[in-house]
């Protein structure tokens, strides 16, 4: 009799342990970042289309273009340039596949019973999430060279290269999760602005920290005026300006933002284009491009004024603007028009 009771107690204890493990697994799975970028076509996917969505990426028409890495890079960063860039079709497919996998997993999470989670359903959610991570890593690997290019553009000899690359990689990963492929823009453009905004914060903070903990021996030289320009300060200011411009561009619609980017060469891999060239790129007349550009610049000026970006740093924002010299924003916008 005692042996039967002991076996029963052991069975109950084992069942209790399994239930606790299931609850822990349920909590871990429901905490997964399964927030896909919304897309209406996910709700209407048929079995045939799902095979296309989850199939392999399209093969490029020609051989991948080889890009010469910048000089002076460590071997690890140089090896990143061996990974071929994604074509527009491959990029759309991979972003759609990643978000659709997240979408399917999130739908299964909603159906889980918190008290009795189905193990088979938990397995399926983990499988879908792992597939989404693999697709995300494929996108990241194909764009790591963008981080290196932007780091080489803004880093200086005093700034640790690998730390900036690491910060840029984090921005790249966040951009992959937030990018909406359905808007028609290339991911490289979206990621470039994300990396610039991150560098604007990182480098300026690094400069403030260095200024705060500077060597006390430098006080010897304070008696002699230093007329040299501080290149690090200028670079940090330039990156801040580009971050501010990126925030301003977010106030425009997709077409206006494209026109401004093309017109003034704001993309890292694009030179400024004429009105005629922009019109040819977007399939719009030169005059229409001029009208849209003027309207977009007026929007940017209004937002800049509302945020106080056009105010000199040594004057309060509520002072009268009469008789004031043009600031850098007003000069640039006036020249653009």
Protein backbone atom coordinates (compact mmCIF):
# COMPACT_ATOMS: atom_id res chain seq x y z
CA UNK A 1 0.00 0.00 0.00
CA UNK A 2 2.80 2.42 0.92
CA UNK A 3 4.62 1.55 -2.32
CA UNK A 4 1.48 2.39 -4.35
CA UNK A 5 1.13 5.74 -2.58
CA UNK A 6 4.83 6.54 -3.17
CA UNK A 7 4.52 5.79 -6.91
CA UNK A 8 1.40 7.94 -7.11
CA UNK A 9 3.17 10.82 -5.37
CA UNK A 10 6.13 10.52 -7.75
CA UNK A 11 3.78 10.56 -10.74
CA UNK A 12 2.00 13.65 -9.45
CA UNK A 13 5.32 15.36 -8.78
CA UNK A 14 6.50 14.55 -12.32
CA UNK A 15 3.28 15.90 -13.78
CA UNK A 16 3.69 19.05 -11.72
CA UNK A 17 7.25 19.48 -13.00
CA UNK A 18 6.09 19.04 -16.61
CA UNK A 19 3.35 21.60 -16.09
CA UNK A 20 5.84 24.11 -14.65
CA UNK A 21 8.18 23.52 -17.58
CA UNK A 22 5.31 24.05 -20.01
CA UNK A 23 4.43 27.31 -18.25
CA UNK A 24 8.04 28.50 -18.40
CA UNK A 25 8.20 27.60 -22.07
CA UNK A 26 4.92 29.41 -22.70
CA UNK A 27 6.21 32.55 -20.98
CA UNK A 28 9.46 32.43 -22.97
CA UNK A 29 7.69 32.02 -26.30
CA UNK A 30 5.11 34.73 -25.63
CA UNK A 31 8.02 37.09 -24.85
CA UNK A 32 9.60 36.57 -28.29
CA UNK A 33 9.78 39.70 -30.50
CA UNK A 34 7.08 38.62 -32.95
CA UNK A 35 5.97 42.06 -34.17
CA UNK A 36 5.91 41.96 -37.98
CA UNK A 37 5.68 45.11 -40.06
CA UNK A 38 1.97 45.21 -41.01
CA UNK A 39 1.05 44.29 -44.57
CA UNK A 40 -2.46 43.73 -45.93
CA UNK A 41 -1.36 40.97 -48.29
CA UNK A 42 -0.55 38.68 -45.34
CA UNK A 43 -4.27 38.40 -44.55
CA UNK A 44 -5.09 37.23 -48.08
CA UNK A 45 -2.32 34.70 -48.67
CA UNK A 46 -3.41 31.46 -50.32
CA UNK A 47 -1.57 28.14 -50.13
CA UNK A 48 0.00 28.77 -53.53
CA UNK A 49 1.18 32.25 -52.59
CA UNK A 50 2.53 30.98 -49.27
CA UNK A 51 4.85 28.66 -51.17
CA UNK A 52 6.14 31.69 -53.07
CA UNK A 53 6.49 33.76 -49.91
CA UNK A 54 8.42 31.06 -48.07
CA UNK A 55 10.42 29.80 -51.06
CA UNK A 56 13.99 30.71 -51.97
CA UNK A 57 14.94 34.22 -53.02
CA UNK A 58 15.01 34.89 -56.79
CA UNK A 59 18.32 34.35 -58.52
CA UNK A 60 19.92 37.52 -59.94
CA UNK A 61 20.07 37.83 -63.72
CA UNK A 62 23.83 38.41 -63.86
CA UNK A 63 26.87 37.65 -61.72
CA UNK A 64 27.17 39.67 -58.49
CA UNK A 65 29.13 42.89 -58.79
CA UNK A 66 32.45 42.89 -56.97
CA UNK A 67 33.13 45.96 -54.84
CA UNK A 68 36.64 46.99 -53.84
CA UNK A 69 36.80 47.41 -50.04
CA UNK A 70 38.23 50.67 -48.65
CA UNK A 71 41.95 50.69 -47.98
CA UNK A 72 43.27 50.13 -44.49
CA UNK A 73 40.48 47.87 -43.20
CA UNK A 74 41.27 44.94 -40.89
CA UNK A 75 40.94 41.49 -42.51
CA UNK A 76 37.62 40.77 -40.76
CA UNK A 77 35.97 43.92 -42.12
CA UNK A 78 37.50 43.35 -45.55
CA UNK A 79 35.91 39.89 -45.69
CA UNK A 80 32.46 41.46 -45.40
CA UNK A 81 32.82 42.78 -48.95
CA UNK A 82 32.87 39.19 -50.25
CA UNK A 83 29.16 38.81 -49.43
CA UNK A 84 27.17 39.87 -52.54
CA UNK A 85 24.66 42.68 -52.25
CA UNK A 86 20.97 41.92 -52.57
CA UNK A 87 19.06 42.90 -55.68
CA UNK A 88 15.80 44.81 -55.27
CA UNK A 89 13.82 41.62 -55.97
CA UNK A 90 15.83 39.60 -53.44
CA UNK A 91 15.48 42.34 -50.85
CA UNK A 92 11.69 42.48 -51.23
CA UNK A 93 11.43 38.69 -51.05
CA UNK A 94 13.54 38.37 -47.89
CA UNK A 95 11.80 41.17 -46.00
CA UNK A 96 8.41 39.79 -47.01
CA UNK A 97 9.44 36.27 -45.97
CA UNK A 98 10.80 37.40 -42.59
CA UNK A 99 7.72 39.42 -41.71
CA UNK A 100 5.33 36.72 -42.95
CA UNK A 101 7.04 34.14 -40.73
CA UNK A 102 6.63 36.49 -37.77
CA UNK A 103 3.02 37.07 -38.76
CA UNK A 104 2.26 33.32 -38.78
CA UNK A 105 3.99 32.81 -35.44
CA UNK A 106 2.16 35.72 -33.81
CA UNK A 107 -1.18 34.28 -34.97
CA UNK A 108 -0.35 30.97 -33.29
CA UNK A 109 0.67 32.72 -30.06
CA UNK A 110 -2.80 34.26 -29.82
CA UNK A 111 -4.37 30.79 -30.02
CA UNK A 112 -2.32 29.35 -27.14
CA UNK A 113 -4.09 28.39 -23.94
CA UNK A 114 -2.13 29.94 -21.01
CA UNK A 115 -3.22 27.15 -18.67
CA UNK A 116 -2.59 24.25 -21.06
CA UNK A 117 -0.30 25.33 -23.90
CA UNK A 118 -0.14 22.84 -26.76
CA UNK A 119 3.43 21.55 -27.10
CA UNK A 120 3.05 20.95 -30.83
CA UNK A 121 1.93 24.53 -31.29
CA UNK A 122 4.85 25.76 -29.17
CA UNK A 123 7.22 23.73 -31.36
CA UNK A 124 5.71 25.30 -34.49
CA UNK A 125 6.07 28.83 -33.11
CA UNK A 126 9.72 28.23 -32.24
CA UNK A 127 10.32 26.80 -35.72
CA UNK A 128 8.75 29.82 -37.43
CA UNK A 129 10.68 32.24 -35.23
CA UNK A 130 13.97 30.46 -35.92
CA UNK A 131 13.30 30.64 -39.67
CA UNK A 132 12.57 34.38 -39.36
CA UNK A 133 15.88 34.87 -37.51
CA UNK A 134 17.76 33.03 -40.27
CA UNK A 135 16.23 35.31 -42.92
CA UNK A 136 17.03 38.37 -40.81
CA UNK A 137 20.66 37.27 -40.47
CA UNK A 138 20.86 36.83 -44.24
CA UNK A 139 19.68 40.44 -44.72
CA UNK A 140 22.12 41.71 -42.10
CA UNK A 141 25.11 39.89 -43.63
CA UNK A 142 24.37 41.40 -47.04
CA UNK A 143 24.32 44.92 -45.55
CA UNK A 144 27.22 44.82 -43.08
CA UNK A 145 29.49 46.52 -45.59
CA UNK A 146 27.16 49.54 -45.44
CA UNK A 147 28.01 49.92 -41.75
CA UNK A 148 31.71 49.70 -42.55
CA UNK A 149 31.42 52.33 -45.30
CA UNK A 150 29.55 54.74 -43.02
CA UNK A 151 32.02 54.13 -40.19
CA UNK A 152 35.00 54.87 -42.44
CA UNK A 153 33.24 58.04 -43.51
CA UNK A 154 32.74 59.43 -39.99
CA UNK A 155 35.42 57.78 -37.84
CA UNK A 156 38.70 59.55 -37.12
CA UNK A 157 42.01 58.21 -35.85
CA UNK A 158 41.14 58.82 -32.18
CA UNK A 159 37.86 56.97 -32.37
CA UNK A 160 37.90 53.15 -31.99
CA UNK A 161 36.85 51.70 -35.33
CA UNK A 162 35.40 48.45 -34.01
CA UNK A 163 33.29 50.23 -31.38
CA UNK A 164 31.69 52.42 -34.03
CA UNK A 165 31.15 49.39 -36.28
CA UNK A 166 29.49 47.61 -33.36
CA UNK A 167 27.19 50.59 -32.73
CA UNK A 168 26.38 50.74 -36.44
CA UNK A 169 25.57 47.02 -36.50
CA UNK A 170 23.04 47.49 -33.71
CA UNK A 171 21.39 50.28 -35.69
CA UNK A 172 21.36 48.02 -38.76
CA UNK A 173 19.63 45.21 -36.84
CA UNK A 174 16.97 47.58 -35.53
CA UNK A 175 16.44 48.97 -39.02
CA UNK A 176 15.84 45.45 -40.40
CA UNK A 177 13.02 44.94 -37.88
CA UNK A 178 11.35 48.29 -38.67
CA UNK A 179 11.80 48.52 -42.45
CA UNK A 180 8.61 48.44 -44.54
CA UNK A 181 9.49 46.99 -47.94
CA UNK A 182 6.03 47.80 -49.34
CA UNK A 183 6.77 51.54 -49.46
CA UNK A 184 9.10 51.08 -52.43
CA UNK A 185 12.33 52.50 -50.95
CA UNK A 186 15.58 50.56 -50.84
CA UNK A 187 16.68 49.28 -47.47
CA UNK A 188 20.17 50.77 -47.88
CA UNK A 189 18.67 54.28 -47.86
CA UNK A 190 16.61 53.58 -44.73
CA UNK A 191 19.56 51.94 -42.93
CA UNK A 192 21.93 54.78 -43.88
CA UNK A 193 19.80 57.34 -42.07
CA UNK A 194 19.44 55.03 -39.06
CA UNK A 195 23.21 54.63 -38.82
CA UNK A 196 23.82 58.38 -39.24
CA UNK A 197 21.35 59.19 -36.45
CA UNK A 198 23.08 56.69 -34.19
CA UNK A 199 26.53 58.12 -34.96
CA UNK A 200 25.20 61.61 -34.26
CA UNK A 201 24.49 60.52 -30.71
CA UNK A 202 27.48 58.21 -30.21
CA UNK A 203 30.27 60.50 -31.45
CA UNK A 204 28.94 63.62 -29.76
CA UNK A 205 28.60 61.71 -26.45
CA UNK A 206 32.12 60.34 -26.87
CA UNK A 207 33.43 63.87 -27.39
CA UNK A 208 31.65 65.14 -24.26
CA UNK A 209 33.11 62.30 -22.19
CA UNK A 210 36.61 62.97 -23.44
CA UNK A 211 36.27 66.66 -22.71
CA UNK A 212 35.05 65.91 -19.19
CA UNK A 213 37.92 63.53 -18.34
CA UNK A 214 40.74 65.31 -20.17
CA UNK A 215 44.26 65.15 -18.75
CA UNK A 216 44.97 67.78 -16.11
CA UNK A 217 48.38 68.43 -17.69
CA UNK A 218 46.60 70.21 -20.54
CA UNK A 219 46.04 73.14 -18.18
CA UNK A 220 49.61 74.19 -18.91
CA UNK A 221 48.61 75.14 -22.43
CA UNK A 222 45.51 77.12 -21.46
CA UNK A 223 47.52 80.34 -21.21
CA UNK A 224 48.23 80.19 -24.97
CA UNK A 225 45.21 80.75 -27.23
CA UNK A 226 44.64 77.81 -29.58
CA UNK A 227 43.50 79.04 -32.99
CA UNK A 228 43.21 75.59 -34.52
CA UNK A 229 39.80 74.25 -35.37
CA UNK A 230 38.71 71.14 -33.48
CA UNK A 231 38.06 68.63 -36.24
CA UNK A 232 36.34 66.23 -33.90
CA UNK A 233 33.88 68.91 -32.83
CA UNK A 234 33.18 69.82 -36.44
CA UNK A 235 32.61 66.20 -37.38
CA UNK A 236 30.24 65.68 -34.44
CA UNK A 237 28.36 68.84 -35.42
CA UNK A 238 28.14 67.69 -39.03
CA UNK A 239 26.74 64.31 -38.00
CA UNK A 240 24.23 66.02 -35.73
CA UNK A 241 23.10 68.18 -38.64
CA UNK A 242 22.66 65.13 -40.84
CA UNK A 243 20.67 63.44 -38.08
CA UNK A 244 18.44 66.53 -37.84
CA UNK A 245 17.96 66.49 -41.60
CA UNK A 246 17.00 62.80 -41.43
CA UNK A 247 14.35 63.63 -38.83
CA UNK A 248 13.04 66.48 -40.98
CA UNK A 249 12.73 64.20 -44.02
CA UNK A 250 10.50 61.87 -42.03
CA UNK A 251 7.84 64.61 -42.12
CA UNK A 252 7.53 64.29 -45.92
CA UNK A 253 5.57 61.69 -47.84
CA UNK A 254 7.38 58.98 -49.78
CA UNK A 255 7.53 60.78 -53.14
CA UNK A 256 8.60 64.12 -51.68
CA UNK A 257 11.31 62.38 -49.67
CA UNK A 258 12.59 60.62 -52.79
CA UNK A 259 12.69 63.89 -54.73
CA UNK A 260 14.68 65.67 -52.01
CA UNK A 261 17.10 62.75 -51.65
CA UNK A 262 17.69 62.51 -55.40
CA UNK A 263 17.82 66.28 -55.94
CA UNK A 264 20.47 66.97 -53.32
CA UNK A 265 22.33 63.65 -53.28
CA UNK A 266 21.49 62.77 -49.67
CA UNK A 267 22.08 59.05 -50.21
CA UNK A 268 25.58 57.82 -49.55
CA UNK A 269 25.87 56.20 -53.00
CA UNK A 270 24.20 58.91 -55.11
CA UNK A 271 25.30 62.25 -56.53
CA UNK A 272 22.92 65.26 -56.72
CA UNK A 273 20.61 65.07 -59.74
CA UNK A 274 19.08 67.75 -61.91
CA UNK A 275 15.34 68.29 -62.06
CA UNK A 276 15.27 66.54 -65.43
CA UNK A 277 17.18 63.53 -64.09
CA UNK A 278 14.88 63.25 -61.07
CA UNK A 279 11.88 63.43 -63.38
CA UNK A 280 13.29 60.64 -65.52
CA UNK A 281 13.91 58.53 -62.43
CA UNK A 282 10.34 58.94 -61.14
CA UNK A 283 8.55 59.20 -64.47
CA UNK A 284 7.35 62.79 -63.87
CA UNK A 285 7.90 65.97 -65.87
CA UNK A 286 10.67 68.40 -64.94
CA UNK A 287 8.16 71.14 -64.06
CA UNK A 288 6.20 68.82 -61.79
CA UNK A 289 9.41 67.84 -60.01
CA UNK A 290 10.18 71.53 -59.45
CA UNK A 291 6.72 72.11 -57.97
CA UNK A 292 6.96 69.10 -55.66
CA UNK A 293 10.49 70.03 -54.57
CA UNK A 294 9.38 73.58 -53.76
CA UNK A 295 6.46 72.27 -51.71
CA UNK A 296 8.68 69.78 -49.89
CA UNK A 297 11.25 72.47 -49.05
CA UNK A 298 8.51 74.70 -47.70
CA UNK A 299 7.38 71.85 -45.43
CA UNK A 300 10.95 71.30 -44.25
CA UNK A 301 11.38 75.01 -43.51
CA UNK A 302 8.15 75.10 -41.50
CA UNK A 303 9.08 72.03 -39.44
CA UNK A 304 12.61 73.37 -38.88
CA UNK A 305 11.21 76.69 -37.62
CA UNK A 306 8.73 74.93 -35.33
CA UNK A 307 11.53 72.88 -33.80
CA UNK A 308 13.80 75.89 -33.46
CA UNK A 309 16.44 74.37 -35.72
CA UNK A 310 16.87 77.64 -37.62
CA UNK A 311 17.63 79.66 -34.50
CA UNK A 312 21.23 80.67 -33.69
CA UNK A 313 22.60 78.88 -30.65
CA UNK A 314 23.32 82.12 -28.78
CA UNK A 315 19.78 83.54 -29.10
CA UNK A 316 16.52 82.35 -27.54
CA UNK A 317 13.90 80.83 -29.82
CA UNK A 318 11.23 83.39 -28.92
CA UNK A 319 13.20 86.48 -29.91
CA UNK A 320 12.09 88.54 -32.88
CA UNK A 321 13.43 87.30 -36.21
CA UNK A 322 13.46 90.78 -37.76
CA UNK A 323 16.85 91.84 -38.96
CA UNK A 324 18.38 88.48 -38.21
CA UNK A 325 21.13 87.06 -40.38
CA UNK A 326 20.17 83.91 -42.29
CA UNK A 327 21.06 80.69 -40.48
CA UNK A 328 22.53 77.55 -41.98
CA UNK A 329 19.09 75.98 -42.51
CA UNK A 330 17.52 79.02 -44.09
CA UNK A 331 20.58 79.53 -46.32
CA UNK A 332 20.58 75.92 -47.48
CA UNK A 333 16.85 75.90 -48.18
CA UNK A 334 17.05 79.23 -50.00
CA UNK A 335 19.89 77.97 -52.17
CA UNK A 336 17.97 74.77 -52.86
CA UNK A 337 15.01 76.72 -54.22
